[in-house]
C-alpha atoms as a PDB file:
ATOM      1  CA  MET A   1     162.973-154.056-184.604  1.00  0.00           C
ATOM      2  CA  SER A   2     160.842-152.730-181.760  1.00  0.00           C
ATOM      3  CA  ASP A   3     158.758-154.960-179.596  1.00  0.00           C
ATOM      4  CA  TYR A   4     155.056-154.249-179.598  1.00  0.00           C
ATOM      5  CA  VAL A   5     152.408-154.960-177.011  1.00  0.00           C
ATOM      6  CA  THR A   6     148.659-154.813-177.275  1.00  0.00           C
ATOM      7  CA  VAL A   7     146.907-152.169-175.209  1.00  0.00           C
ATOM      8  CA  SER A   8     143.164-152.232-174.885  1.00  0.00           C
ATOM      9  CA  THR A   9     140.594-149.824-173.555  1.00  0.00           C
ATOM     10  CA  LYS A  10     136.851-149.686-173.256  1.00  0.00           C
ATOM     11  CA  VAL A  11     134.822-147.047-175.066  1.00  0.00           C
ATOM     12  CA  ARG A  12     131.127-146.584-175.531  1.00  0.00           C
ATOM     13  CA  ARG A  13     129.784-148.769-178.320  1.00  0.00           C
ATOM     14  CA  GLU A  14     128.233-145.735-180.012  1.00  0.00           C
ATOM     15  CA  LEU A  15     131.596-143.976-180.119  1.00  0.00           C
ATOM     16  CA  LYS A  16     133.309-146.972-181.711  1.00  0.00           C
ATOM     17  CA  GLU A  17     130.551-147.388-184.271  1.00  0.00           C
ATOM     18  CA  GLU A  18     130.611-143.687-185.147  1.00  0.00           C
ATOM     19  CA  ALA A  19     134.400-143.760-185.506  1.00  0.00           C
ATOM     20  CA  GLU A  20     134.172-146.773-187.826  1.00  0.00           C
ATOM     21  CA  ARG A  21     131.411-145.097-189.847  1.00  0.00           C
ATOM     22  CA  LEU A  22     133.623-142.037-190.259  1.00  0.00           C
ATOM     23  CA  GLY A  23     136.606-144.125-191.306  1.00  0.00           C
ATOM     24  CA  VAL A  24     138.651-143.307-188.204  1.00  0.00           C
ATOM     25  CA  LYS A  25     141.571-145.657-187.763  1.00  0.00           C
ATOM     26  CA  ILE A  26     141.190-146.148-184.031  1.00  0.00           C
ATOM     27  CA  SER A  27     144.570-147.764-183.431  1.00  0.00           C
ATOM     28  CA  GLU A  28     146.368-144.891-185.168  1.00  0.00           C
ATOM     29  CA  VAL A  29     144.451-142.275-183.183  1.00  0.00           C
ATOM     30  CA  LEU A  30     145.147-144.034-179.881  1.00  0.00           C
ATOM     31  CA  ARG A  31     148.825-144.518-180.754  1.00  0.00           C
ATOM     32  CA  ARG A  32     149.261-140.834-181.639  1.00  0.00           C
ATOM     33  CA  ALA A  33     147.383-139.722-178.531  1.00  0.00           C
ATOM     34  CA  LEU A  34     149.522-141.919-176.282  1.00  0.00           C
ATOM     35  CA  GLU A  35     152.738-140.780-177.957  1.00  0.00           C
ATOM     36  CA  GLU A  36     151.720-137.134-177.537  1.00  0.00           C
ATOM     37  CA  GLU A  37     150.808-137.642-173.872  1.00  0.00           C
ATOM     38  CA  VAL A  38     154.143-139.333-173.169  1.00  0.00           C
ATOM     39  CA  ARG A  39     155.975-136.505-174.967  1.00  0.00           C
ATOM     40  CA  THR A  40     154.042-133.927-172.923  1.00  0.00           C
ATOM     41  CA  ARG A  41     154.809-135.666-169.622  1.00  0.00           C
ATOM     42  CA  LYS A  42     158.514-135.947-170.498  1.00  0.00           C
ATOM     43  CA  LEU A  43     158.616-132.210-171.223  1.00  0.00           C
ATOM     44  CA  GLU A  44     156.898-131.504-167.905  1.00  0.00           C
ATOM     45  CA  GLU A  45     159.497-133.634-166.098  1.00  0.00           C
ATOM     46  CA  LEU A  46     162.306-131.838-167.907  1.00  0.00           C
ATOM     47  CA  GLU A  47     160.875-128.409-167.062  1.00  0.00           C
ATOM     48  CA  LYS A  48     160.630-129.423-163.401  1.00  0.00           C
ATOM     49  CA  LYS A  49     164.252-130.620-163.371  1.00  0.00           C
ATOM     50  CA  LEU A  50     165.406-127.448-165.129  1.00  0.00           C
ATOM     51  CA  GLY A  51     163.593-125.398-162.517  1.00  0.00           C
ATOM     52  CA  GLU A  52     165.389-127.285-159.753  1.00  0.00           C
ATOM     53  CA  VAL A  53     168.750-126.798-161.461  1.00  0.00           C
ATOM     54  CA  GLY A  54     167.968-123.126-161.982  1.00  0.00           C
ATOM     55  CA  GLU A  55     167.230-122.714-158.282  1.00  0.00           C
ATOM     56  CA  ALA A  56     170.568-124.348-157.436  1.00  0.00           C
ATOM     57  CA  LEU A  57     172.394-122.104-159.920  1.00  0.00           C
ATOM     58  CA  ASP A  58     170.735-119.030-158.443  1.00  0.00           C
ATOM     59  CA  ARG A  59     172.327-119.864-155.093  1.00  0.00           C
ATOM     60  CA  ILE A  60     175.852-119.845-156.561  1.00  0.00           C
ATOM     61  CA  ASP A  61     177.834-116.727-155.752  1.00  0.00           C
ATOM     62  CA  ILE A  62     179.396-115.845-159.121  1.00  0.00           C
ATOM     63  CA  ASP A  63     181.850-113.383-157.585  1.00  0.00           C
ATOM     64  CA  ARG A  64     183.136-116.116-155.288  1.00  0.00           C
ATOM     65  CA  VAL A  65     183.551-118.505-158.237  1.00  0.00           C
ATOM     66  CA  VAL A  66     185.438-115.883-160.256  1.00  0.00           C
ATOM     67  CA  LYS A  67     187.654-115.088-157.269  1.00  0.00           C
ATOM     68  CA  SER A  68     188.437-118.804-156.770  1.00  0.00           C
ATOM     69  CA  ILE A  69     189.338-119.248-160.440  1.00  0.00           C
ATOM     70  CA  ARG A  70     191.633-116.202-160.370  1.00  0.00           C
ATOM     71  CA  GLU A  71     193.311-117.430-157.214  1.00  0.00           C
ATOM     72  CA  ASP A  72     193.799-120.843-158.760  1.00  0.00           C
ATOM     73  CA  ARG A  73     195.306-119.374-161.934  1.00  0.00           C
ATOM     74  CA  GLU A  74     197.630-117.121-159.965  1.00  0.00           C
ATOM     75  CA  GLY A  75     198.804-120.087-157.898  1.00  0.00           C
ATOM     76  CA  ARG A  76     200.163-121.870-160.981  1.00  0.00           C
END
């Protein structure tokens, strides 16, 4: 079972009262918003890392790699 912690934030009283009047389940909204933000940030990190890997791959000379593999195979 997952461990849970309590996270609190301050909002304007009017906003909280309006949310309650409208039947908004504040904890569910905050949980979903936080989960979505974490998911978004993880994707941003991944895209950044993929960009870095792509730059490294662009610097690889494919012809040189192919030549090395052929030489290695011929040496066996």
